[in-house]
C-alpha atoms as a PDB file:
ATOM      1  CA  MET A   1      -0.839   6.681 -61.747  1.00  0.00           C
ATOM      2  CA  ALA A   2      -4.074   6.609 -63.715  1.00  0.00           C
ATOM      3  CA  ARG A   3      -6.105   6.989 -60.526  1.00  0.00           C
ATOM      4  CA  ALA A   4      -4.014   9.882 -59.232  1.00  0.00           C
ATOM      5  CA  SER A   5      -4.138  11.579 -62.610  1.00  0.00           C
ATOM      6  CA  ALA A   6      -7.933  11.273 -62.856  1.00  0.00           C
ATOM      7  CA  ARG A   7      -8.387  12.621 -59.300  1.00  0.00           C
ATOM      8  CA  ARG A   8      -6.133  15.573 -60.036  1.00  0.00           C
ATOM      9  CA  GLN A   9      -7.548  16.382 -63.483  1.00  0.00           C
ATOM     10  CA  GLY A  10     -11.148  15.539 -62.628  1.00  0.00           C
ATOM     11  CA  GLU A  11     -11.653  17.881 -59.708  1.00  0.00           C
ATOM     12  CA  GLY A  12     -14.467  20.276 -60.544  1.00  0.00           C
ATOM     13  CA  LEU A  13     -15.263  18.738 -63.946  1.00  0.00           C
ATOM     14  CA  SER A  14     -18.905  18.432 -64.943  1.00  0.00           C
ATOM     15  CA  VAL A  15     -20.582  15.240 -66.131  1.00  0.00           C
ATOM     16  CA  VAL A  16     -20.160  16.373 -69.752  1.00  0.00           C
ATOM     17  CA  GLN A  17     -16.467  17.163 -69.240  1.00  0.00           C
ATOM     18  CA  VAL A  18     -15.872  13.764 -67.621  1.00  0.00           C
ATOM     19  CA  ALA A  19     -17.658  12.110 -70.559  1.00  0.00           C
ATOM     20  CA  ASP A  20     -15.270  14.015 -72.865  1.00  0.00           C
ATOM     21  CA  LYS A  21     -12.321  12.645 -70.864  1.00  0.00           C
ATOM     22  CA  VAL A  22     -13.714   9.109 -71.203  1.00  0.00           C
ATOM     23  CA  ALA A  23     -14.014   9.577 -74.975  1.00  0.00           C
ATOM     24  CA  GLU A  24     -10.505  11.045 -75.197  1.00  0.00           C
ATOM     25  CA  VAL A  25      -8.803   8.210 -73.330  1.00  0.00           C
ATOM     26  CA  GLU A  26     -10.877   5.663 -75.261  1.00  0.00           C
ATOM     27  CA  ARG A  27      -9.596   7.209 -78.518  1.00  0.00           C
ATOM     28  CA  ARG A  28      -6.009   7.192 -77.227  1.00  0.00           C
ATOM     29  CA  GLU A  29      -6.360   3.567 -76.138  1.00  0.00           C
ATOM     30  CA  ARG A  30      -7.642   2.606 -79.600  1.00  0.00           C
ATOM     31  CA  GLU A  31      -4.821   4.505 -81.348  1.00  0.00           C
ATOM     32  CA  THR A  32      -2.207   2.846 -79.176  1.00  0.00           C
ATOM     33  CA  ARG A  33      -3.654  -0.596 -79.937  1.00  0.00           C
ATOM     34  CA  GLN A  34      -3.423   0.193 -83.633  1.00  0.00           C
ATOM     35  CA  GLN A  35       0.244   1.111 -83.175  1.00  0.00           C
ATOM     36  CA  LEU A  36       0.779  -2.274 -81.531  1.00  0.00           C
ATOM     37  CA  SER A  37      -0.829  -4.126 -84.441  1.00  0.00           C
ATOM     38  CA  SER A  38       1.254  -2.270 -87.049  1.00  0.00           C
ATOM     39  CA  PRO A  39       4.869  -2.382 -85.914  1.00  0.00           C
ATOM     40  CA  GLY A  40       6.833   0.483 -87.372  1.00  0.00           C
ATOM     41  CA  ASP A  41      10.265   1.899 -86.889  1.00  0.00           C
ATOM     42  CA  ARG A  42      10.851   2.877 -83.305  1.00  0.00           C
ATOM     43  CA  GLY A  43      13.718   4.978 -82.129  1.00  0.00           C
ATOM     44  CA  PRO A  44      15.713   4.112 -79.020  1.00  0.00           C
ATOM     45  CA  ASP A  45      14.002   6.899 -77.057  1.00  0.00           C
ATOM     46  CA  ASP A  46      10.445   5.999 -78.066  1.00  0.00           C
ATOM     47  CA  VAL A  47       8.049   4.691 -75.433  1.00  0.00           C
ATOM     48  CA  ASP A  48       7.214   1.002 -75.649  1.00  0.00           C
ATOM     49  CA  PRO A  49       3.742   0.830 -77.272  1.00  0.00           C
ATOM     50  CA  ALA A  50       2.735  -2.079 -75.023  1.00  0.00           C
ATOM     51  CA  ASP A  51       3.490  -0.038 -71.888  1.00  0.00           C
ATOM     52  CA  LEU A  52       1.687   2.951 -73.345  1.00  0.00           C
ATOM     53  CA  ALA A  53      -1.310   0.771 -74.199  1.00  0.00           C
ATOM     54  CA  GLU A  54      -1.479  -0.468 -70.590  1.00  0.00           C
ATOM     55  CA  GLN A  55      -1.422   3.121 -69.348  1.00  0.00           C
ATOM     56  CA  TRP A  56      -4.297   4.133 -71.608  1.00  0.00           C
ATOM     57  CA  VAL A  57      -6.319   1.051 -70.609  1.00  0.00           C
ATOM     58  CA  ALA A  58      -5.855   1.984 -66.943  1.00  0.00           C
ATOM     59  CA  ARG A  59      -6.772   5.640 -67.577  1.00  0.00           C
ATOM     60  CA  HIS A  60      -9.839   4.586 -69.549  1.00  0.00           C
ATOM     61  CA  ALA A  61     -10.986   2.295 -66.746  1.00  0.00           C
ATOM     62  CA  GLU A  62     -10.493   5.018 -64.123  1.00  0.00           C
ATOM     63  CA  TRP A  63     -12.339   7.700 -66.098  1.00  0.00           C
ATOM     64  CA  ARG A  64     -15.205   5.245 -66.701  1.00  0.00           C
ATOM     65  CA  ARG A  65     -15.300   4.565 -62.940  1.00  0.00           C
ATOM     66  CA  VAL A  66     -15.434   8.307 -62.214  1.00  0.00           C
ATOM     67  CA  ALA A  67     -18.218   8.790 -64.774  1.00  0.00           C
ATOM     68  CA  ALA A  68     -20.211   5.868 -63.351  1.00  0.00           C
ATOM     69  CA  LEU A  69     -19.745   7.160 -59.795  1.00  0.00           C
ATOM     70  CA  MET A  70     -20.959  10.634 -60.760  1.00  0.00           C
ATOM     71  CA  ASP A  71     -23.960   9.120 -62.538  1.00  0.00           C
ATOM     72  CA  ALA A  72     -24.820   6.810 -59.622  1.00  0.00           C
ATOM     73  CA  GLN A  73     -24.422   9.540 -56.995  1.00  0.00           C
ATOM     74  CA  GLY A  74     -26.041  12.269 -59.098  1.00  0.00           C
ATOM     75  CA  TRP A  75     -23.055  14.601 -58.725  1.00  0.00           C
ATOM     76  CA  PRO A  76     -23.040  17.622 -61.050  1.00  0.00           C
ATOM     77  CA  VAL A  77     -19.245  17.940 -60.665  1.00  0.00           C
ATOM     78  CA  TYR A  78     -16.512  15.527 -59.594  1.00  0.00           C
ATOM     79  CA  SER A  79     -15.093  16.035 -56.123  1.00  0.00           C
ATOM     80  CA  PRO A  80     -12.170  13.765 -55.155  1.00  0.00           C
ATOM     81  CA  GLU A  81     -12.939  14.251 -51.454  1.00  0.00           C
ATOM     82  CA  ARG A  82     -16.391  12.668 -51.854  1.00  0.00           C
ATOM     83  CA  ASP A  83     -14.982   9.755 -53.880  1.00  0.00           C
ATOM     84  CA  VAL A  84     -14.612   7.166 -51.106  1.00  0.00           C
ATOM     85  CA  GLN A  85     -12.892   4.493 -53.181  1.00  0.00           C
ATOM     86  CA  GLY A  86     -10.611   6.987 -54.928  1.00  0.00           C
ATOM     87  CA  SER A  87      -9.689   8.539 -51.585  1.00  0.00           C
ATOM     88  CA  ALA A  88      -8.831   5.120 -50.150  1.00  0.00           C
ATOM     89  CA  TRP A  89      -6.601   4.414 -53.139  1.00  0.00           C
ATOM     90  CA  ALA A  90      -4.974   7.836 -52.764  1.00  0.00           C
ATOM     91  CA  ARG A  91      -4.238   7.130 -49.080  1.00  0.00           C
ATOM     92  CA  GLU A  92      -2.739   3.736 -50.014  1.00  0.00           C
ATOM     93  CA  ARG A  93      -0.596   5.379 -52.685  1.00  0.00           C
ATOM     94  CA  ASP A  94       0.578   8.050 -50.235  1.00  0.00           C
ATOM     95  CA  ALA A  95       1.430   5.380 -47.661  1.00  0.00           C
ATOM     96  CA  GLN A  96       3.381   3.407 -50.285  1.00  0.00           C
ATOM     97  CA  ARG A  97       5.176   6.577 -51.373  1.00  0.00           C
ATOM     98  CA  LYS A  98       6.061   7.500 -47.786  1.00  0.00           C
ATOM     99  CA  GLY A  99       7.280   3.947 -47.170  1.00  0.00           C
ATOM    100  CA  ALA A 100       9.425   4.061 -50.299  1.00  0.00           C
ATOM    101  CA  LEU A 101      10.859   7.428 -49.264  1.00  0.00           C
ATOM    102  CA  ALA A 102      11.600   6.101 -45.769  1.00  0.00           C
ATOM    103  CA  ARG A 103      13.314   3.002 -47.222  1.00  0.00           C
ATOM    104  CA  ARG A 104      15.360   5.210 -49.539  1.00  0.00           C
ATOM    105  CA  ALA A 105      16.387   7.494 -46.657  1.00  0.00           C
ATOM    106  CA  ALA A 106      17.395   4.453 -44.573  1.00  0.00           C
ATOM    107  CA  TRP A 107      19.381   3.063 -47.496  1.00  0.00           C
ATOM    108  CA  GLN A 108      21.131   6.421 -47.938  1.00  0.00           C
ATOM    109  CA  ARG A 109      22.033   6.511 -44.227  1.00  0.00           C
ATOM    110  CA  GLU A 110      23.393   2.954 -44.426  1.00  0.00           C
ATOM    111  CA  TRP A 111      25.332   3.826 -47.573  1.00  0.00           C
ATOM    112  CA  GLN A 112      26.812   6.906 -45.914  1.00  0.00           C
ATOM    113  CA  ASP A 113      27.730   4.877 -42.835  1.00  0.00           C
ATOM    114  CA  ALA A 114      29.344   2.253 -45.055  1.00  0.00           C
ATOM    115  CA  ARG A 115      31.310   4.964 -46.865  1.00  0.00           C
ATOM    116  CA  ASP A 116      32.585   6.213 -43.520  1.00  0.00           C
ATOM    117  CA  GLU A 117      33.706   2.732 -42.481  1.00  0.00           C
ATOM    118  CA  LEU A 118      37.264   1.690 -43.081  1.00  0.00           C
ATOM    119  CA  LYS A 119      38.243  -1.873 -43.738  1.00  0.00           C
ATOM    120  CA  ALA A 120      41.953  -2.349 -43.285  1.00  0.00           C
ATOM    121  CA  GLN A 121      44.159  -5.359 -43.720  1.00  0.00           C
ATOM    122  CA  ALA A 122      47.418  -5.335 -41.814  1.00  0.00           C
ATOM    123  CA  TRP A 123      50.226  -7.857 -41.851  1.00  0.00           C
ATOM    124  CA  LEU A 124      51.651  -8.087 -38.367  1.00  0.00           C
ATOM    125  CA  SER A 125      54.887  -9.716 -37.314  1.00  0.00           C
ATOM    126  CA  ALA A 126      54.636 -13.113 -35.672  1.00  0.00           C
ATOM    127  CA  GLY A 127      55.383 -11.692 -32.235  1.00  0.00           C
ATOM    128  CA  VAL A 128      52.737  -8.949 -32.488  1.00  0.00           C
ATOM    129  CA  GLY A 129      50.234 -11.419 -33.929  1.00  0.00           C
ATOM    130  CA  CYS A 130      50.784 -13.825 -31.028  1.00  0.00           C
ATOM    131  CA  ARG A 131      50.319 -11.032 -28.468  1.00  0.00           C
ATOM    132  CA  LEU A 132      47.192  -9.858 -30.260  1.00  0.00           C
ATOM    133  CA  ARG A 133      45.738 -13.392 -30.256  1.00  0.00           C
ATOM    134  CA  ALA A 134      46.527 -13.780 -26.564  1.00  0.00           C
ATOM    135  CA  ILE A 135      44.821 -10.470 -25.722  1.00  0.00           C
ATOM    136  CA  ALA A 136      41.811 -11.463 -27.825  1.00  0.00           C
ATOM    137  CA  ASP A 137      41.601 -14.888 -26.146  1.00  0.00           C
ATOM    138  CA  ARG A 138      41.744 -13.371 -22.653  1.00  0.00           C
ATOM    139  CA  SER A 139      39.054 -10.802 -23.441  1.00  0.00           C
ATOM    140  CA  GLY A 140      36.789 -13.169 -25.425  1.00  0.00           C
ATOM    141  CA  LEU A 141      37.159 -11.181 -28.639  1.00  0.00           C
ATOM    142  CA  ARG A 142      38.168 -12.067 -32.156  1.00  0.00           C
ATOM    143  CA  PRO A 143      41.697 -10.883 -32.982  1.00  0.00           C
ATOM    144  CA  GLU A 144      40.456  -8.183 -35.419  1.00  0.00           C
ATOM    145  CA  GLN A 145      38.236  -6.660 -32.703  1.00  0.00           C
ATOM    146  CA  VAL A 146      41.180  -5.699 -30.473  1.00  0.00           C
ATOM    147  CA  PRO A 147      42.770  -3.196 -32.938  1.00  0.00           C
ATOM    148  CA  ALA A 148      39.284  -1.819 -33.691  1.00  0.00           C
ATOM    149  CA  GLN A 149      38.733  -1.097 -29.983  1.00  0.00           C
ATOM    150  CA  LEU A 150      42.240   0.307 -29.744  1.00  0.00           C
ATOM    151  CA  ALA A 151      41.544   2.653 -32.677  1.00  0.00           C
ATOM    152  CA  ASP A 152      38.314   3.796 -30.994  1.00  0.00           C
ATOM    153  CA  ARG A 153      40.381   5.125 -28.094  1.00  0.00           C
ATOM    154  CA  VAL A 154      43.181   6.843 -30.010  1.00  0.00           C
ATOM    155  CA  CYS A 155      43.562  10.568 -29.335  1.00  0.00           C
ATOM    156  CA  MET A 156      45.634  13.064 -31.307  1.00  0.00           C
ATOM    157  CA  ASP A 157      47.233  16.027 -29.583  1.00  0.00           C
ATOM    158  CA  ASP A 158      47.958  19.446 -31.128  1.00  0.00           C
ATOM    159  CA  ASP A 159      51.358  18.256 -32.383  1.00  0.00           C
ATOM    160  CA  GLY A 160      49.816  15.279 -34.200  1.00  0.00           C
ATOM    161  CA  ALA A 161      51.096  12.687 -31.713  1.00  0.00           C
ATOM    162  CA  LEU A 162      48.814   9.725 -31.114  1.00  0.00           C
ATOM    163  CA  THR A 163      48.117   8.391 -27.640  1.00  0.00           C
ATOM    164  CA  VAL A 164      45.931   5.704 -26.163  1.00  0.00           C
ATOM    165  CA  ASP A 165      44.980   5.657 -22.517  1.00  0.00           C
ATOM    166  CA  THR A 166      45.165   2.353 -20.726  1.00  0.00           C
ATOM    167  CA  PHE A 167      42.066   0.300 -21.400  1.00  0.00           C
ATOM    168  CA  THR A 168      40.798  -3.256 -21.161  1.00  0.00           C
ATOM    169  CA  PRO A 169      39.349  -4.716 -24.379  1.00  0.00           C
ATOM    170  CA  ARG A 170      35.768  -5.849 -23.939  1.00  0.00           C
END
């Protein structure tokens, strides 16, 4: 996040402006460390000072990297497109984000499919159960697969009557 933030905020900033950013995040990092050393009352909605301190350390490091890059390359203003390392990190972050979005979409599809599934438990009479087992044995299926295949072939007419054409379980 620190890298993305610096790329976004740094575009077009001069060397002096980047130095100001370095000083600002350094100050924020120092203040956050002081908060860590003097524990006070924190509300339930307050940000954890340790997490905040890590964020400021990362931002400080990234702004220092940008400043050093500009100094080494002699750039008058920061341009994210010319920042090779920053661009590589941005591509990695985009790839990770796209992967996470794809995994989430796949999970949502699976969840929707699972919601559409129906798991039923039926108690059948001994005679029906024996016939069902015999049909399953002859077709090489498990007994619960026969009613599932039967249900796949059920049709309902306009009057609401159910019919099943003759079929062979497979």
